[in-house]
Amino acid sequence: MKIKPLNFQPPLSRNRLLFVAGMWLLSRLVIAIAMLMIAPSLPAPPGGFAPIFSWEVFSYWDSGWYEQIARSGYEYVNDNNGHSVAFFPLFPLVISGVMSLGVPFAVAGTIVSNFSFFVALLLLYLWVEESHGINAARWATAGLAWCPFSLFGTVIYTEGLFLFVSIAALRAFDKEEYFWAAFWGMLTTATRVTGAALIPAFLLVTWREGRVVRGYFVSMVTSAGLLLYILYCGISFGEPFAFLLAQKAWQPRQSFFGEAWLKMLVKIVAGTANCKAGFIKDPWHPILFLLICACAYLLWRNRVKLGSVKTDYGFCTLVIILWLLAGSPLINTVMIFGGGYLLWYFRNKLRLVAASYGFFSFALFLASGRTVSAERYVYGIVSVAIALGLLLARYPRWGYPTMGFFAILLASLAVRFAQHLWAG
């Protein structure tokens, strides 16, 4: 099989590089200022603490597991508790390689995350411009860079690396560069279990578009990252699916499928305090929610009289008020269900491989019933970012307030992470 060289078309011009670098640098500066300057100056919150100016601020929660793997390898015992085997090997392996140069873990992990995220933004821009034009490319790149969950492309998490290798695999397959699609696809399935969505996506596109047999071969090679990890778990721990069993420790038990989703919606409508209490302890939350809904209905009903500008900014104002009222449950719900709706709405505009990958990714994590960090998993589905780019390219007036709101949320989430509070 002849190997096609990596082909950056359209050419990687100075303007393209400057735009991507600008989006990456400005959004990362917001995170750095929030985590290294704002968070240390605030008093320690309940359940958290005031951080100090240090590289360690980027290393918390799951980062500790990656440090354990990078330093001493995997461990697993079938005792229904969390173990390092739940985390896939590529990310800690790359960090370990950087650490071998004498770089401390916190520095090495931050470098790997941020460099990977920058390359992911660059590849996304090039792919979307090739497929949908420059405006969609700019909005998709800006959306991925400024989305509040892009925080996890800077702290020591797998988001940056996963986006990098998955975008590279999808773009190469779309351009029929099968060797590179197989290579990047194999790395994707070695980074996260959700990378397995590439396998049926490549199979479906090969069948639907009548591609050569090499398309099926790419799907088989893509699974190698996952299969090798299954083999490793079987040999090392006597349990091929140890990573799945270990991940159950982070999944809260549910009385019925969808219970966690229902609780999230109740928190938005009735309030977190009322949801925890089991009765209406604070009547103001549901009253204010109903008032916001009434205002939204009146705004929509009178949209012709008010005009498109007043209507759009009126809805933006109501969204901010609703966020101040409902907080994280609102953002997480919109990220999950809004991302799914965007994917469905633009399914015929997206490249078939992007749409297929998006739908299989959603099916994979919805079937698991997992709700913990579900918003981060949706963020890692690049097809959603492309759909957002198409939407904002069509309605650019929505784009600027959206990016501004994203920046506020990004800074807020960065402060929470630095304070060791749950951020996603």
Protein backbone atom coordinates (compact mmCIF):
# COMPACT_ATOMS: atom_id res chain seq x y z
CA MET A 1 0.00 0.00 0.00
CA LYS A 2 1.44 3.34 -1.02
CA ILE A 3 1.70 5.77 1.87
CA LYS A 4 0.41 9.24 1.06
CA PRO A 5 2.42 12.04 2.69
CA LEU A 6 0.68 14.23 5.25
CA ASN A 7 -1.01 16.84 3.11
CA PHE A 8 -1.97 20.20 4.61
CA GLN A 9 -4.40 21.63 2.08
CA PRO A 10 -5.17 24.47 1.87
CA PRO A 11 -1.57 25.62 2.54
CA LEU A 12 -0.69 26.43 6.12
CA SER A 13 -0.49 30.17 5.50
CA ARG A 14 0.66 32.79 8.00
CA ASN A 15 -2.90 34.10 8.47
CA ARG A 16 -4.29 30.66 9.27
CA LEU A 17 -1.51 29.96 11.74
CA LEU A 18 -1.91 33.37 13.40
CA PHE A 19 -5.66 32.91 13.84
CA VAL A 20 -5.31 29.47 15.41
CA ALA A 21 -2.39 30.58 17.58
CA GLY A 22 -4.36 33.65 18.67
CA MET A 23 -7.41 31.62 19.69
CA TRP A 24 -5.22 29.14 21.55
CA LEU A 25 -3.02 31.74 23.26
CA LEU A 26 -5.80 34.13 24.36
CA SER A 27 -8.00 31.35 25.74
CA ARG A 28 -5.03 29.77 27.56
CA LEU A 29 -4.13 33.17 29.02
CA VAL A 30 -7.62 33.44 30.50
CA ILE A 31 -7.10 30.04 32.14
CA ALA A 32 -3.61 30.90 33.40
CA ILE A 33 -4.72 34.23 34.88
CA ALA A 34 -7.74 32.60 36.54
CA MET A 35 -5.74 29.71 38.01
CA LEU A 36 -2.44 31.42 38.87
CA MET A 37 -3.56 34.92 39.85
CA ILE A 38 -7.28 35.10 40.64
CA ALA A 39 -7.73 31.77 42.48
CA PRO A 40 -4.74 32.28 44.85
CA SER A 41 -6.06 35.74 45.80
CA LEU A 42 -9.48 34.40 46.83
CA PRO A 43 -10.28 32.93 50.25
CA ALA A 44 -10.47 29.16 50.45
CA PRO A 45 -14.03 28.03 49.55
CA PRO A 46 -15.94 25.39 51.54
CA GLY A 47 -14.60 21.99 50.49
CA GLY A 48 -11.65 23.52 48.63
CA PHE A 49 -8.56 25.59 49.33
CA ALA A 50 -6.67 28.64 48.08
CA PRO A 51 -3.92 27.45 45.68
CA ILE A 52 -0.42 28.89 45.40
CA PHE A 53 1.38 30.08 42.26
CA SER A 54 2.76 26.74 41.05
CA TRP A 55 2.72 24.24 38.18
CA GLU A 56 0.87 21.94 40.57
CA VAL A 57 -2.27 24.01 40.03
CA PHE A 58 -2.71 22.23 36.67
CA SER A 59 -2.51 18.80 38.31
CA TYR A 60 -5.50 17.59 40.30
CA TRP A 61 -8.38 15.07 40.24
CA ASP A 62 -7.61 12.59 37.41
CA SER A 63 -4.12 14.06 36.99
CA GLY A 64 -2.98 12.10 40.04
CA TRP A 65 -3.86 8.82 38.33
CA TYR A 66 -1.82 9.76 35.26
CA GLU A 67 1.14 10.63 37.48
CA GLN A 68 0.88 7.25 39.19
CA ILE A 69 0.83 5.46 35.81
CA ALA A 70 3.69 7.54 34.39
CA ARG A 71 5.87 6.85 37.44
CA SER A 72 5.06 3.28 38.43
CA GLY A 73 2.72 1.72 35.84
CA TYR A 74 -0.74 0.21 36.31
CA GLU A 75 -2.38 -1.51 39.25
CA TYR A 76 -5.74 -3.26 39.58
CA VAL A 77 -7.68 -5.30 42.13
CA ASN A 78 -11.27 -6.39 41.52
CA ASP A 79 -12.71 -4.76 44.66
CA ASN A 80 -15.23 -2.31 43.12
CA ASN A 81 -12.89 0.62 43.86
CA GLY A 82 -11.19 2.97 41.44
CA HIS A 83 -7.82 1.86 40.05
CA SER A 84 -5.32 3.31 37.60
CA VAL A 85 -6.15 0.69 34.97
CA ALA A 86 -9.34 2.68 34.23
CA PHE A 87 -7.17 5.24 32.38
CA PHE A 88 -5.87 4.39 28.92
CA PRO A 89 -2.11 4.28 28.28
CA LEU A 90 -1.14 6.72 25.50
CA PHE A 91 -1.40 9.96 27.51
CA PRO A 92 0.67 8.82 30.52
CA LEU A 93 3.11 7.10 28.13
CA VAL A 94 3.78 10.38 26.28
CA ILE A 95 4.13 12.24 29.58
CA SER A 96 6.57 9.58 30.80
CA GLY A 97 8.63 10.14 27.66
CA VAL A 98 8.89 13.87 28.40
CA MET A 99 9.69 13.14 32.06
CA SER A 100 12.61 10.96 30.92
CA LEU A 101 14.27 14.21 29.85
CA GLY A 102 14.33 15.32 33.48
CA VAL A 103 11.11 17.36 33.37
CA PRO A 104 8.87 17.18 36.50
CA PHE A 105 5.45 15.53 36.03
CA ALA A 106 3.39 18.72 36.48
CA VAL A 107 5.44 20.54 33.84
CA ALA A 108 5.60 17.57 31.45
CA GLY A 109 1.86 16.89 31.67
CA THR A 110 0.95 20.55 31.13
CA ILE A 111 3.26 20.77 28.09
CA VAL A 112 1.81 17.61 26.54
CA SER A 113 -1.79 18.77 27.12
CA ASN A 114 -1.29 22.27 25.75
CA PHE A 115 0.84 21.31 22.75
CA SER A 116 -1.65 18.57 21.80
CA PHE A 117 -4.57 20.99 22.12
CA PHE A 118 -2.84 23.55 19.89
CA VAL A 119 -2.25 20.95 17.17
CA ALA A 120 -5.88 19.80 17.53
CA LEU A 121 -7.10 23.37 16.89
CA LEU A 122 -4.80 23.68 13.88
CA LEU A 123 -5.99 20.40 12.33
CA LEU A 124 -9.62 21.31 13.02
CA TYR A 125 -9.22 24.66 11.27
CA LEU A 126 -7.63 23.10 8.20
CA TRP A 127 -10.19 20.30 7.93
CA VAL A 128 -13.23 22.55 8.35
CA GLU A 129 -11.88 25.11 5.88
CA GLU A 130 -11.34 22.35 3.33
CA SER A 131 -14.89 21.07 3.83
CA HIS A 132 -17.01 24.09 4.78
CA GLY A 133 -15.10 27.30 4.12
CA ILE A 134 -13.14 29.85 6.10
CA ASN A 135 -16.00 31.30 8.18
CA ALA A 136 -17.08 27.91 9.52
CA ALA A 137 -13.42 27.05 10.19
CA ARG A 138 -12.90 30.18 12.25
CA TRP A 139 -16.07 29.74 14.30
CA ALA A 140 -15.45 26.02 14.88
CA THR A 141 -11.89 26.74 16.04
CA ALA A 142 -13.02 29.60 18.28
CA GLY A 143 -15.79 27.45 19.74
CA LEU A 144 -13.42 24.59 20.56
CA ALA A 145 -10.83 26.98 22.04
CA TRP A 146 -13.22 29.08 24.15
CA CYS A 147 -15.69 26.42 25.25
CA PRO A 148 -15.45 26.30 29.06
CA PHE A 149 -14.51 22.62 28.93
CA SER A 150 -11.42 23.51 26.91
CA LEU A 151 -9.95 23.97 30.39
CA PHE A 152 -9.22 20.24 30.17
CA GLY A 153 -6.99 20.88 27.16
CA THR A 154 -4.67 22.82 29.48
CA VAL A 155 -4.75 20.91 32.77
CA ILE A 156 -3.30 17.39 32.87
CA TYR A 157 -6.22 15.53 31.30
CA THR A 158 -6.57 13.60 28.04
CA GLU A 159 -8.85 16.08 26.20
CA GLY A 160 -6.07 17.80 24.26
CA LEU A 161 -4.36 14.60 23.11
CA PHE A 162 -7.66 12.86 22.35
CA LEU A 163 -8.88 15.75 20.20
CA PHE A 164 -5.52 15.86 18.40
CA VAL A 165 -5.38 12.18 17.42
CA SER A 166 -9.13 11.82 16.70
CA ILE A 167 -9.24 14.89 14.43
CA ALA A 168 -6.09 13.69 12.67
CA ALA A 169 -7.68 10.25 12.10
CA LEU A 170 -11.00 11.65 10.85
CA ARG A 171 -9.37 14.18 8.54
CA ALA A 172 -6.99 11.60 7.08
CA PHE A 173 -9.84 9.15 6.46
CA ASP A 174 -11.95 11.87 4.86
CA LYS A 175 -9.05 12.65 2.51
CA GLU A 176 -8.55 8.92 1.80
CA GLU A 177 -5.08 8.94 3.37
CA TYR A 178 -5.61 5.44 4.71
CA PHE A 179 -2.21 4.78 6.23
CA TRP A 180 -2.39 7.93 8.35
CA ALA A 181 -6.04 7.31 9.20
CA ALA A 182 -5.09 3.86 10.56
CA PHE A 183 -2.09 5.25 12.43
CA TRP A 184 -3.96 8.11 14.12
CA GLY A 185 -7.02 5.90 14.65
CA MET A 186 -4.92 3.32 16.53
CA LEU A 187 -3.55 6.09 18.76
CA THR A 188 -7.09 7.37 19.37
CA THR A 189 -8.32 4.02 20.70
CA ALA A 190 -5.19 3.88 22.89
CA THR A 191 -6.12 7.25 24.45
CA ARG A 192 -9.76 6.75 25.46
CA VAL A 193 -12.34 4.01 25.25
CA THR A 194 -14.66 6.45 23.43
CA GLY A 195 -12.17 6.42 20.57
CA ALA A 196 -13.79 3.10 19.65
CA ALA A 197 -16.51 5.16 17.94
CA LEU A 198 -14.07 5.59 15.05
CA ILE A 199 -14.31 1.88 14.22
CA PRO A 200 -18.01 1.72 13.20
CA ALA A 201 -17.75 5.23 11.70
CA PHE A 202 -14.99 4.13 9.31
CA LEU A 203 -16.92 0.94 8.46
CA LEU A 204 -20.13 2.84 7.71
CA VAL A 205 -18.42 5.48 5.54
CA THR A 206 -16.51 2.83 3.60
CA TRP A 207 -19.77 0.99 2.86
CA ARG A 208 -21.93 4.05 2.13
CA GLU A 209 -19.39 5.75 -0.13
CA GLY A 210 -18.29 2.54 -1.84
CA ARG A 211 -14.67 3.03 -0.89
CA VAL A 212 -11.87 0.58 -1.58
CA VAL A 213 -11.23 -2.40 0.68
CA ARG A 214 -8.52 -0.41 2.43
CA GLY A 215 -11.30 1.48 4.23
CA TYR A 216 -12.30 -1.72 6.03
CA PHE A 217 -8.64 -2.43 6.78
CA VAL A 218 -8.30 1.00 8.40
CA SER A 219 -11.20 0.18 10.72
CA MET A 220 -9.49 -3.06 11.78
CA VAL A 221 -6.14 -1.35 12.44
CA THR A 222 -7.89 1.46 14.35
CA SER A 223 -9.13 -1.09 16.86
CA ALA A 224 -5.53 -2.17 17.57
CA GLY A 225 -5.03 0.43 20.33
CA LEU A 226 -8.04 -0.88 22.23
CA LEU A 227 -7.29 -4.55 21.52
CA LEU A 228 -3.69 -4.23 22.69
CA TYR A 229 -4.85 -2.66 25.94
CA ILE A 230 -7.38 -5.46 26.42
CA LEU A 231 -4.57 -7.96 25.83
CA TYR A 232 -2.34 -6.15 28.34
CA CYS A 233 -5.08 -6.20 31.00
CA GLY A 234 -5.68 -9.90 30.38
CA ILE A 235 -2.00 -10.79 30.73
CA SER A 236 -1.20 -8.46 33.65
CA PHE A 237 -4.35 -8.79 35.75
CA GLY A 238 -6.17 -11.87 34.42
CA GLU A 239 -9.12 -9.67 33.46
CA PRO A 240 -9.18 -8.38 29.85
CA PHE A 241 -11.83 -5.77 30.65
CA ALA A 242 -10.32 -4.58 33.92
CA PHE A 243 -10.48 -0.98 32.68
CA LEU A 244 -14.28 -1.19 32.35
CA LEU A 245 -14.71 -2.79 35.78
CA ALA A 246 -12.50 -0.14 37.38
CA GLN A 247 -14.45 2.69 35.71
CA LYS A 248 -17.65 1.56 37.46
CA ALA A 249 -16.28 2.99 40.71
CA TRP A 250 -16.91 6.49 39.35
CA GLN A 251 -20.43 5.75 38.13
CA PRO A 252 -23.13 6.44 40.76
CA ARG A 253 -25.73 3.72 41.12
CA GLN A 254 -29.11 4.47 39.59
CA SER A 255 -32.52 3.11 40.52
CA PHE A 256 -33.49 3.26 36.84
CA PHE A 257 -31.83 4.18 33.57
CA GLY A 258 -31.83 7.96 33.12
CA GLU A 259 -32.28 8.76 36.82
CA ALA A 260 -29.21 11.04 36.82
CA TRP A 261 -30.47 12.92 33.74
CA LEU A 262 -33.82 13.44 35.44
CA LYS A 263 -32.15 14.78 38.58
CA MET A 264 -30.15 17.23 36.49
CA LEU A 265 -33.33 18.60 34.90
CA VAL A 266 -35.02 18.86 38.31
CA LYS A 267 -32.05 20.88 39.59
CA ILE A 268 -32.53 23.36 36.75
CA VAL A 269 -36.27 23.76 37.28
CA ALA A 270 -36.55 23.45 41.07
CA GLY A 271 -33.02 24.20 42.28
CA THR A 272 -30.21 22.10 43.73
CA ALA A 273 -31.20 22.85 47.34
CA ASN A 274 -34.79 21.73 46.74
CA CYS A 275 -33.60 18.62 44.88
CA LYS A 276 -31.36 17.60 47.80
CA ALA A 277 -34.06 18.33 50.38
CA GLY A 278 -36.76 16.41 48.52
CA PHE A 279 -39.28 19.22 48.94
CA ILE A 280 -39.65 22.92 48.08
CA LYS A 281 -37.32 24.43 50.66
CA ASP A 282 -36.56 27.51 48.54
CA PRO A 283 -39.68 28.60 46.58
CA TRP A 284 -37.88 31.47 44.83
CA HIS A 285 -35.90 29.23 42.48
CA PRO A 286 -38.92 27.62 40.70
CA ILE A 287 -40.73 30.99 40.69
CA LEU A 288 -37.80 32.73 39.01
CA PHE A 289 -37.43 29.85 36.56
CA LEU A 290 -41.08 30.21 35.53
CA LEU A 291 -40.66 34.00 35.15
CA ILE A 292 -37.67 33.47 32.85
CA CYS A 293 -39.69 30.98 30.77
CA ALA A 294 -42.56 33.47 30.56
CA CYS A 295 -40.22 36.26 29.43
CA ALA A 296 -38.72 33.94 26.80
CA TYR A 297 -42.20 33.12 25.48
CA LEU A 298 -43.18 36.82 25.29
CA LEU A 299 -39.91 37.65 23.59
CA TRP A 300 -40.47 34.94 20.98
CA ARG A 301 -44.10 35.93 20.45
CA ASN A 302 -43.17 39.59 19.84
CA ARG A 303 -40.00 38.90 17.84
CA VAL A 304 -41.39 40.54 14.68
CA LYS A 305 -42.26 43.79 16.49
CA LEU A 306 -38.96 43.90 18.37
CA GLY A 307 -36.78 43.01 15.39
CA SER A 308 -34.03 40.42 15.13
CA VAL A 309 -31.34 42.44 16.94
CA LYS A 310 -33.41 43.16 20.09
CA THR A 311 -34.78 39.62 20.08
CA ASP A 312 -31.34 37.99 19.84
CA TYR A 313 -29.81 40.08 22.59
CA GLY A 314 -32.93 39.65 24.70
CA PHE A 315 -32.48 35.89 24.57
CA CYS A 316 -28.77 36.30 25.39
CA THR A 317 -29.73 38.28 28.51
CA LEU A 318 -32.21 35.60 29.58
CA VAL A 319 -29.60 32.88 29.10
CA ILE A 320 -27.18 34.70 31.42
CA ILE A 321 -29.92 35.20 34.04
CA LEU A 322 -30.86 31.51 33.80
CA TRP A 323 -27.21 30.52 34.22
CA LEU A 324 -26.91 32.70 37.33
CA LEU A 325 -29.98 30.93 38.67
CA ALA A 326 -29.30 27.30 37.69
CA GLY A 327 -25.47 27.17 37.45
CA SER A 328 -23.56 24.06 36.40
CA PRO A 329 -26.59 21.75 35.86
CA LEU A 330 -27.79 24.12 33.12
CA ILE A 331 -24.39 24.28 31.39
CA ASN A 332 -23.93 20.51 31.53
CA THR A 333 -27.46 19.81 30.24
CA VAL A 334 -27.11 22.28 27.37
CA MET A 335 -23.70 20.83 26.49
CA ILE A 336 -25.08 17.29 26.29
CA PHE A 337 -28.52 17.73 24.76
CA GLY A 338 -27.66 20.90 22.83
CA GLY A 339 -24.62 19.18 21.35
CA GLY A 340 -26.74 16.22 20.32
CA TYR A 341 -29.34 18.49 18.72
CA LEU A 342 -26.69 20.45 16.80
CA LEU A 343 -25.25 17.21 15.48
CA TRP A 344 -28.69 16.06 14.31
CA TYR A 345 -29.61 19.46 12.82
CA PHE A 346 -26.44 19.65 10.69
CA ARG A 347 -26.20 15.93 9.94
CA ASN A 348 -26.64 16.51 6.19
CA LYS A 349 -24.13 19.39 6.11
CA LEU A 350 -21.34 17.60 7.95
CA ARG A 351 -18.92 15.30 6.20
CA LEU A 352 -20.27 11.75 6.48
CA VAL A 353 -17.29 10.57 8.54
CA ALA A 354 -17.75 13.46 11.01
CA ALA A 355 -21.49 12.90 11.37
CA SER A 356 -21.08 9.12 11.75
CA TYR A 357 -18.36 9.50 14.35
CA GLY A 358 -20.50 12.00 16.26
CA PHE A 359 -23.57 9.76 16.39
CA PHE A 360 -21.59 6.65 17.33
CA SER A 361 -19.81 8.61 20.08
CA PHE A 362 -23.13 9.78 21.52
CA ALA A 363 -24.53 6.26 21.33
CA LEU A 364 -21.47 4.87 23.11
CA PHE A 365 -21.65 7.04 26.21
CA LEU A 366 -25.46 7.19 26.37
CA ALA A 367 -25.64 3.40 26.29
CA SER A 368 -23.24 3.24 29.22
CA GLY A 369 -25.67 5.29 31.34
CA ARG A 370 -22.72 7.37 32.53
CA THR A 371 -23.51 10.93 33.56
CA VAL A 372 -20.38 11.82 35.54
CA SER A 373 -18.22 14.07 33.33
CA ALA A 374 -20.58 13.47 30.39
CA GLU A 375 -20.21 17.11 29.37
CA ARG A 376 -16.45 16.59 28.97
CA TYR A 377 -17.03 13.56 26.77
CA VAL A 378 -19.36 15.59 24.54
CA TYR A 379 -16.70 18.29 24.33
CA GLY A 380 -14.27 15.63 23.10
CA ILE A 381 -16.56 14.82 20.14
CA VAL A 382 -15.11 17.13 17.51
CA SER A 383 -18.19 16.76 15.28
CA VAL A 384 -20.12 18.92 17.78
CA ALA A 385 -17.55 21.73 17.44
CA ILE A 386 -17.85 21.57 13.65
CA ALA A 387 -21.66 21.76 13.89
CA LEU A 388 -21.33 24.80 16.18
CA GLY A 389 -19.01 26.39 13.63
CA LEU A 390 -21.61 25.88 10.89
CA LEU A 391 -24.30 27.42 13.11
CA LEU A 392 -22.28 30.52 14.03
CA ALA A 393 -21.07 30.98 10.45
CA ARG A 394 -24.76 31.18 9.48
CA TYR A 395 -25.72 33.46 12.40
CA PRO A 396 -22.53 35.41 13.31
CA ARG A 397 -24.50 37.82 15.51
CA TRP A 398 -24.92 34.94 17.96
CA GLY A 399 -21.24 34.13 17.79
CA TYR A 400 -19.75 37.14 19.58
CA PRO A 401 -21.93 37.01 22.71
CA THR A 402 -21.50 33.22 22.72
CA MET A 403 -17.71 33.54 22.79
CA GLY A 404 -17.95 36.22 25.49
CA PHE A 405 -20.16 33.97 27.61
CA PHE A 406 -17.81 31.06 27.01
CA ALA A 407 -14.88 33.19 28.27
CA ILE A 408 -16.72 33.98 31.52
CA LEU A 409 -17.54 30.30 32.06
CA LEU A 410 -13.99 29.26 31.17
CA ALA A 411 -12.50 31.59 33.78
CA SER A 412 -15.06 30.46 36.37
CA LEU A 413 -14.35 26.78 35.73
CA ALA A 414 -10.58 27.40 35.86
CA VAL A 415 -10.90 29.01 39.29
CA ARG A 416 -12.96 26.07 40.54
CA PHE A 417 -10.38 23.55 39.30
CA ALA A 418 -7.54 25.50 40.92
CA GLN A 419 -9.49 25.54 44.22
CA HIS A 420 -9.84 21.73 43.99
CA LEU A 421 -13.59 21.98 43.48
CA TRP A 422 -15.39 19.71 40.99
CA ALA A 423 -15.19 21.24 37.52
CA GLY A 424 -16.32 18.43 35.21
